[in-house]
C-alpha atoms as a PDB file:
ATOM      1  CA  UNK A   1       1.026  15.210 -13.605  1.00  0.00           C
ATOM      2  CA  UNK A   2       2.934  12.667 -11.573  1.00  0.00           C
ATOM      3  CA  UNK A   3       6.207  14.599 -11.456  1.00  0.00           C
ATOM      4  CA  UNK A   4       7.982  14.314  -8.144  1.00  0.00           C
ATOM      5  CA  UNK A   5       8.059  17.580  -6.232  1.00  0.00           C
ATOM      6  CA  UNK A   6      10.626  18.810  -3.748  1.00  0.00           C
ATOM      7  CA  UNK A   7       8.052  21.169  -2.290  1.00  0.00           C
ATOM      8  CA  UNK A   8       6.699  19.963   1.051  1.00  0.00           C
ATOM      9  CA  UNK A   9       2.968  20.082   1.647  1.00  0.00           C
ATOM     10  CA  UNK A  10       1.317  21.588   4.702  1.00  0.00           C
ATOM     11  CA  UNK A  11       2.225  18.349   6.496  1.00  0.00           C
ATOM     12  CA  UNK A  12       5.919  18.854   5.674  1.00  0.00           C
ATOM     13  CA  UNK A  13       6.049  15.811   3.386  1.00  0.00           C
ATOM     14  CA  UNK A  14       7.713  15.970  -0.035  1.00  0.00           C
ATOM     15  CA  UNK A  15       8.658  13.452  -2.700  1.00  0.00           C
ATOM     16  CA  UNK A  16      12.325  14.161  -2.034  1.00  0.00           C
ATOM     17  CA  UNK A  17      11.947  13.466   1.683  1.00  0.00           C
ATOM     18  CA  UNK A  18      10.132  10.160   1.091  1.00  0.00           C
ATOM     19  CA  UNK A  19      12.661   9.068  -1.529  1.00  0.00           C
ATOM     20  CA  UNK A  20      15.545   9.883   0.815  1.00  0.00           C
ATOM     21  CA  UNK A  21      13.957   7.911   3.651  1.00  0.00           C
ATOM     22  CA  UNK A  22      13.415   4.906   1.382  1.00  0.00           C
ATOM     23  CA  UNK A  23      16.980   5.093   0.054  1.00  0.00           C
ATOM     24  CA  UNK A  24      18.229   4.806   3.641  1.00  0.00           C
ATOM     25  CA  UNK A  25      16.085   1.713   4.139  1.00  0.00           C
ATOM     26  CA  UNK A  26      17.151  -1.763   3.020  1.00  0.00           C
ATOM     27  CA  UNK A  27      13.967  -3.596   1.988  1.00  0.00           C
ATOM     28  CA  UNK A  28      13.842  -7.329   2.543  1.00  0.00           C
ATOM     29  CA  UNK A  29      12.939  -9.693  -0.267  1.00  0.00           C
ATOM     30  CA  UNK A  30      11.171 -13.018   0.250  1.00  0.00           C
ATOM     31  CA  UNK A  31      11.624 -16.127  -1.874  1.00  0.00           C
ATOM     32  CA  UNK A  32       8.393 -17.196  -3.519  1.00  0.00           C
ATOM     33  CA  UNK A  33       8.778 -20.822  -2.368  1.00  0.00           C
ATOM     34  CA  UNK A  34       5.721 -21.876  -4.335  1.00  0.00           C
ATOM     35  CA  UNK A  35       3.801 -18.662  -3.717  1.00  0.00           C
ATOM     36  CA  UNK A  36       2.771 -16.134  -6.367  1.00  0.00           C
ATOM     37  CA  UNK A  37       4.345 -12.709  -6.806  1.00  0.00           C
ATOM     38  CA  UNK A  38       2.142  -9.646  -6.310  1.00  0.00           C
ATOM     39  CA  UNK A  39       2.639  -5.908  -5.960  1.00  0.00           C
ATOM     40  CA  UNK A  40       0.719  -3.058  -4.371  1.00  0.00           C
ATOM     41  CA  UNK A  41       0.979   0.664  -5.026  1.00  0.00           C
ATOM     42  CA  UNK A  42       1.264   3.126  -2.144  1.00  0.00           C
ATOM     43  CA  UNK A  43       0.439   6.305  -4.032  1.00  0.00           C
ATOM     44  CA  UNK A  44       1.060   9.705  -2.449  1.00  0.00           C
ATOM     45  CA  UNK A  45      -1.363  12.129  -4.099  1.00  0.00           C
ATOM     46  CA  UNK A  46      -2.775  15.625  -3.575  1.00  0.00           C
ATOM     47  CA  UNK A  47      -6.485  16.274  -3.659  1.00  0.00           C
ATOM     48  CA  UNK A  48      -8.481  19.317  -2.524  1.00  0.00           C
ATOM     49  CA  UNK A  49      -5.546  20.655  -0.556  1.00  0.00           C
ATOM     50  CA  UNK A  50      -4.912  17.309   1.137  1.00  0.00           C
ATOM     51  CA  UNK A  51      -1.869  15.100   0.667  1.00  0.00           C
ATOM     52  CA  UNK A  52      -2.570  11.442   1.311  1.00  0.00           C
ATOM     53  CA  UNK A  53      -2.593   7.888  -0.039  1.00  0.00           C
ATOM     54  CA  UNK A  54      -5.336   6.162  -1.998  1.00  0.00           C
ATOM     55  CA  UNK A  55      -7.132   3.213  -0.431  1.00  0.00           C
ATOM     56  CA  UNK A  56      -9.836   1.221  -2.163  1.00  0.00           C
ATOM     57  CA  UNK A  57     -12.731  -0.948  -1.093  1.00  0.00           C
ATOM     58  CA  UNK A  58     -12.707  -4.066  -3.220  1.00  0.00           C
ATOM     59  CA  UNK A  59     -15.850  -4.804  -5.213  1.00  0.00           C
ATOM     60  CA  UNK A  60     -18.348  -7.200  -3.689  1.00  0.00           C
ATOM     61  CA  UNK A  61     -18.286  -9.395  -6.792  1.00  0.00           C
ATOM     62  CA  UNK A  62     -14.614 -10.335  -6.582  1.00  0.00           C
ATOM     63  CA  UNK A  63     -13.827 -13.979  -5.869  1.00  0.00           C
ATOM     64  CA  UNK A  64     -11.161 -13.228  -3.267  1.00  0.00           C
ATOM     65  CA  UNK A  65     -11.196 -10.688  -0.418  1.00  0.00           C
ATOM     66  CA  UNK A  66     -14.395  -9.027  -1.646  1.00  0.00           C
ATOM     67  CA  UNK A  67     -15.362  -5.846   0.179  1.00  0.00           C
ATOM     68  CA  UNK A  68     -12.051  -5.476   1.990  1.00  0.00           C
ATOM     69  CA  UNK A  69     -10.045  -2.252   2.255  1.00  0.00           C
ATOM     70  CA  UNK A  70      -6.927  -2.566   0.105  1.00  0.00           C
ATOM     71  CA  UNK A  71      -4.169  -0.767  -1.727  1.00  0.00           C
ATOM     72  CA  UNK A  72      -4.296  -0.839  -5.538  1.00  0.00           C
ATOM     73  CA  UNK A  73      -2.465  -3.949  -6.652  1.00  0.00           C
ATOM     74  CA  UNK A  74      -2.561  -7.568  -7.683  1.00  0.00           C
ATOM     75  CA  UNK A  75      -0.649 -10.435  -9.190  1.00  0.00           C
ATOM     76  CA  UNK A  76       2.523  -9.675 -11.160  1.00  0.00           C
ATOM     77  CA  UNK A  77       2.247 -10.883 -14.761  1.00  0.00           C
ATOM     78  CA  UNK A  78       4.868 -12.976 -16.527  1.00  0.00           C
ATOM     79  CA  UNK A  79       7.745 -10.766 -17.641  1.00  0.00           C
ATOM     80  CA  UNK A  80       6.877  -7.975 -15.183  1.00  0.00           C
ATOM     81  CA  UNK A  81       8.792  -6.805 -12.162  1.00  0.00           C
ATOM     82  CA  UNK A  82       7.160  -5.401  -9.035  1.00  0.00           C
ATOM     83  CA  UNK A  83       7.285  -1.807 -10.278  1.00  0.00           C
ATOM     84  CA  UNK A  84       5.686  -2.720 -13.595  1.00  0.00           C
ATOM     85  CA  UNK A  85       2.998  -4.728 -11.843  1.00  0.00           C
ATOM     86  CA  UNK A  86       2.186  -1.949  -9.388  1.00  0.00           C
ATOM     87  CA  UNK A  87       1.963   0.678 -12.152  1.00  0.00           C
ATOM     88  CA  UNK A  88      -0.232  -1.563 -14.327  1.00  0.00           C
ATOM     89  CA  UNK A  89      -2.574  -2.490 -11.481  1.00  0.00           C
ATOM     90  CA  UNK A  90      -2.916   1.169 -10.482  1.00  0.00           C
ATOM     91  CA  UNK A  91      -3.937   2.037 -14.036  1.00  0.00           C
ATOM     92  CA  UNK A  92      -6.341  -0.917 -14.313  1.00  0.00           C
ATOM     93  CA  UNK A  93      -8.025  -0.283 -10.963  1.00  0.00           C
ATOM     94  CA  UNK A  94      -8.033   3.522 -10.708  1.00  0.00           C
ATOM     95  CA  UNK A  95      -7.313   4.760 -14.232  1.00  0.00           C
ATOM     96  CA  UNK A  96      -4.126   6.512 -13.032  1.00  0.00           C
ATOM     97  CA  UNK A  97      -1.279   5.953 -15.505  1.00  0.00           C
ATOM     98  CA  UNK A  98       1.932   6.951 -13.759  1.00  0.00           C
ATOM     99  CA  UNK A  99       5.380   6.484 -15.272  1.00  0.00           C
ATOM    100  CA  UNK A 100       8.530   4.928 -13.859  1.00  0.00           C
ATOM    101  CA  UNK A 101       9.582   8.452 -12.862  1.00  0.00           C
ATOM    102  CA  UNK A 102       6.889   8.352 -10.168  1.00  0.00           C
ATOM    103  CA  UNK A 103       8.654   5.561  -8.252  1.00  0.00           C
ATOM    104  CA  UNK A 104      10.113   6.678  -4.897  1.00  0.00           C
ATOM    105  CA  UNK A 105      11.182   3.267  -3.618  1.00  0.00           C
ATOM    106  CA  UNK A 106       9.864   0.059  -2.091  1.00  0.00           C
ATOM    107  CA  UNK A 107       9.252  -1.581   1.242  1.00  0.00           C
ATOM    108  CA  UNK A 108       9.673  -5.116   2.590  1.00  0.00           C
ATOM    109  CA  UNK A 109       8.055  -8.022   0.804  1.00  0.00           C
ATOM    110  CA  UNK A 110       5.086  -9.303   2.798  1.00  0.00           C
ATOM    111  CA  UNK A 111       4.167 -13.017   2.505  1.00  0.00           C
ATOM    112  CA  UNK A 112       0.442 -13.630   2.850  1.00  0.00           C
ATOM    113  CA  UNK A 113      -1.472 -16.578   4.216  1.00  0.00           C
ATOM    114  CA  UNK A 114      -3.363 -16.823   0.909  1.00  0.00           C
ATOM    115  CA  UNK A 115      -0.231 -17.723  -1.038  1.00  0.00           C
ATOM    116  CA  UNK A 116       1.287 -14.475  -2.277  1.00  0.00           C
ATOM    117  CA  UNK A 117       4.454 -12.493  -1.691  1.00  0.00           C
ATOM    118  CA  UNK A 118       3.475  -8.827  -1.941  1.00  0.00           C
ATOM    119  CA  UNK A 119       6.033  -6.171  -2.874  1.00  0.00           C
ATOM    120  CA  UNK A 120       4.904  -2.649  -1.867  1.00  0.00           C
ATOM    121  CA  UNK A 121       6.003   0.066  -4.325  1.00  0.00           C
ATOM    122  CA  UNK A 122       5.825   3.707  -3.195  1.00  0.00           C
ATOM    123  CA  UNK A 123       4.760   6.149  -5.925  1.00  0.00           C
ATOM    124  CA  UNK A 124       4.321   9.903  -6.155  1.00  0.00           C
ATOM    125  CA  UNK A 125       1.271  11.151  -8.052  1.00  0.00           C
ATOM    126  CA  UNK A 126       1.221  14.704  -6.765  1.00  0.00           C
ATOM    127  CA  UNK A 127      -1.663  16.890  -7.903  1.00  0.00           C
ATOM    128  CA  UNK A 128      -3.921  16.728 -10.919  1.00  0.00           C
ATOM    129  CA  UNK A 129      -5.060  13.101 -10.870  1.00  0.00           C
ATOM    130  CA  UNK A 130      -8.698  12.132 -10.469  1.00  0.00           C
ATOM    131  CA  UNK A 131      -9.093   8.377  -9.932  1.00  0.00           C
ATOM    132  CA  UNK A 132     -11.648   6.615 -12.128  1.00  0.00           C
ATOM    133  CA  UNK A 133     -12.322   3.354 -10.272  1.00  0.00           C
ATOM    134  CA  UNK A 134     -12.946   0.245 -12.344  1.00  0.00           C
ATOM    135  CA  UNK A 135     -16.280  -1.001 -10.907  1.00  0.00           C
ATOM    136  CA  UNK A 136     -15.375  -4.616 -11.650  1.00  0.00           C
ATOM    137  CA  UNK A 137     -12.570  -4.353  -9.084  1.00  0.00           C
ATOM    138  CA  UNK A 138     -13.125  -1.247  -6.951  1.00  0.00           C
ATOM    139  CA  UNK A 139     -16.306  -0.267  -5.143  1.00  0.00           C
ATOM    140  CA  UNK A 140     -14.899   3.076  -4.012  1.00  0.00           C
ATOM    141  CA  UNK A 141     -11.629   4.932  -3.517  1.00  0.00           C
ATOM    142  CA  UNK A 142     -10.656   7.323  -0.732  1.00  0.00           C
ATOM    143  CA  UNK A 143      -7.694   9.623  -0.221  1.00  0.00           C
ATOM    144  CA  UNK A 144      -6.536   9.080   3.361  1.00  0.00           C
ATOM    145  CA  UNK A 145      -4.651  12.180   4.568  1.00  0.00           C
ATOM    146  CA  UNK A 146      -1.104  11.405   5.667  1.00  0.00           C
ATOM    147  CA  UNK A 147      -1.678  12.706   9.232  1.00  0.00           C
ATOM    148  CA  UNK A 148      -4.475  10.132   9.633  1.00  0.00           C
ATOM    149  CA  UNK A 149      -1.939   7.346   9.113  1.00  0.00           C
ATOM    150  CA  UNK A 150      -0.461   8.425  12.447  1.00  0.00           C
ATOM    151  CA  UNK A 151      -3.212   6.529  14.258  1.00  0.00           C
ATOM    152  CA  UNK A 152      -2.013   4.104  16.969  1.00  0.00           C
ATOM    153  CA  UNK A 153      -2.152   0.545  15.614  1.00  0.00           C
ATOM    154  CA  UNK A 154      -4.026  -2.173  17.461  1.00  0.00           C
ATOM    155  CA  UNK A 155      -2.328  -5.501  18.116  1.00  0.00           C
ATOM    156  CA  UNK A 156      -4.473  -8.536  18.897  1.00  0.00           C
ATOM    157  CA  UNK A 157      -3.708 -12.115  19.851  1.00  0.00           C
ATOM    158  CA  UNK A 158      -5.520 -15.016  18.209  1.00  0.00           C
ATOM    159  CA  UNK A 159      -5.523 -18.722  19.025  1.00  0.00           C
ATOM    160  CA  UNK A 160      -4.492 -19.668  15.483  1.00  0.00           C
ATOM    161  CA  UNK A 161      -1.107 -17.876  15.522  1.00  0.00           C
ATOM    162  CA  UNK A 162       1.629 -16.786  17.895  1.00  0.00           C
ATOM    163  CA  UNK A 163       2.112 -13.600  15.855  1.00  0.00           C
ATOM    164  CA  UNK A 164       0.204 -10.375  16.698  1.00  0.00           C
ATOM    165  CA  UNK A 165      -2.610  -9.359  14.360  1.00  0.00           C
ATOM    166  CA  UNK A 166      -2.374  -5.693  13.329  1.00  0.00           C
ATOM    167  CA  UNK A 167      -5.366  -3.418  12.820  1.00  0.00           C
ATOM    168  CA  UNK A 168      -5.389   0.254  11.791  1.00  0.00           C
ATOM    169  CA  UNK A 169      -8.503   2.340  12.536  1.00  0.00           C
ATOM    170  CA  UNK A 170      -9.012   4.169   9.238  1.00  0.00           C
ATOM    171  CA  UNK A 171     -12.000   5.201   7.107  1.00  0.00           C
ATOM    172  CA  UNK A 172     -14.396   4.546  10.007  1.00  0.00           C
ATOM    173  CA  UNK A 173     -13.454   0.879  10.021  1.00  0.00           C
ATOM    174  CA  UNK A 174     -10.557  -1.403  10.874  1.00  0.00           C
ATOM    175  CA  UNK A 175      -7.976  -2.071   8.156  1.00  0.00           C
ATOM    176  CA  UNK A 176      -6.270  -5.449   8.458  1.00  0.00           C
ATOM    177  CA  UNK A 177      -3.022  -6.958   7.178  1.00  0.00           C
ATOM    178  CA  UNK A 178      -1.586  -7.185   4.636  1.00  0.00           C
ATOM    179  CA  UNK A 179      -2.807  -3.628   3.924  1.00  0.00           C
ATOM    180  CA  UNK A 180      -2.457  -2.551   7.562  1.00  0.00           C
ATOM    181  CA  UNK A 181       1.066  -3.970   7.821  1.00  0.00           C
ATOM    182  CA  UNK A 182       2.175  -2.265   4.609  1.00  0.00           C
ATOM    183  CA  UNK A 183       0.675   1.100   5.608  1.00  0.00           C
ATOM    184  CA  UNK A 184       2.218   0.869   9.071  1.00  0.00           C
ATOM    185  CA  UNK A 185       5.670   0.242   7.594  1.00  0.00           C
ATOM    186  CA  UNK A 186       5.179   3.073   5.084  1.00  0.00           C
ATOM    187  CA  UNK A 187       4.341   5.447   7.924  1.00  0.00           C
ATOM    188  CA  UNK A 188       7.264   4.355  10.061  1.00  0.00           C
ATOM    189  CA  UNK A 189       9.906   4.185   7.318  1.00  0.00           C
ATOM    190  CA  UNK A 190       8.881   6.774   4.733  1.00  0.00           C
ATOM    191  CA  UNK A 191       7.226   9.385   6.937  1.00  0.00           C
ATOM    192  CA  UNK A 192       9.022   8.961  10.274  1.00  0.00           C
ATOM    193  CA  UNK A 193      12.402   7.634   9.148  1.00  0.00           C
ATOM    194  CA  UNK A 194      12.212   4.633  11.475  1.00  0.00           C
ATOM    195  CA  UNK A 195      13.582   1.311  10.214  1.00  0.00           C
ATOM    196  CA  UNK A 196      10.626  -0.866  11.128  1.00  0.00           C
ATOM    197  CA  UNK A 197       9.970  -4.448  10.019  1.00  0.00           C
ATOM    198  CA  UNK A 198       6.487  -5.941   9.756  1.00  0.00           C
ATOM    199  CA  UNK A 199       7.010  -9.574   8.719  1.00  0.00           C
ATOM    200  CA  UNK A 200       5.986 -10.690  12.205  1.00  0.00           C
ATOM    201  CA  UNK A 201       2.586  -8.988  11.937  1.00  0.00           C
ATOM    202  CA  UNK A 202      -0.256 -11.415  11.306  1.00  0.00           C
ATOM    203  CA  UNK A 203      -3.387 -11.309   9.176  1.00  0.00           C
ATOM    204  CA  UNK A 204      -6.858 -12.054  10.561  1.00  0.00           C
ATOM    205  CA  UNK A 205      -8.058 -15.594   9.943  1.00  0.00           C
ATOM    206  CA  UNK A 206     -10.689 -14.478   7.400  1.00  0.00           C
ATOM    207  CA  UNK A 207      -7.846 -13.198   5.159  1.00  0.00           C
ATOM    208  CA  UNK A 208      -5.982 -16.515   5.169  1.00  0.00           C
ATOM    209  CA  UNK A 209      -8.046 -17.848   2.266  1.00  0.00           C
END
């Protein structure tokens, strides 16, 4: 389980193709400047004949961003790098213990209004994994098929910022930044081969805290 495959799925996507697209991309890093380092895992997995990425709904009892749609991830511990943090958080939240061999690449750091710099790490799980959500952190997990990421994003203007707020209609709701920004860049860079930046995309005001 977790071995990268060169075989494309029915959607034409393979680990080799994603890795090649990410190797052509030069991800931007952001200085912490007093913020805390975090990492999220964009995990490409196969389930019931569908290839997609796992999204979670955060548990209602969490102190921050409870109930929001998110990628597995969290704060990077002392002595960890972004890859180590993403792999650990994936295991803690979903019970999926991937190795370093599962890493396909990374995307741009995304600074958040709540004081973090998030590094997105793209991982390949392939087939054979059944997530076991940790109820203390995850209310539910869903595999979003890769073709569903091809939804047109919505861009809104708010009085509090001159940057556009991004929304992605997924899972019968609206997914907001930072998750929406990260998923949009993953789609554009890893799946479409388009060098797209997302630092200018804003979060909704409720996510600023």
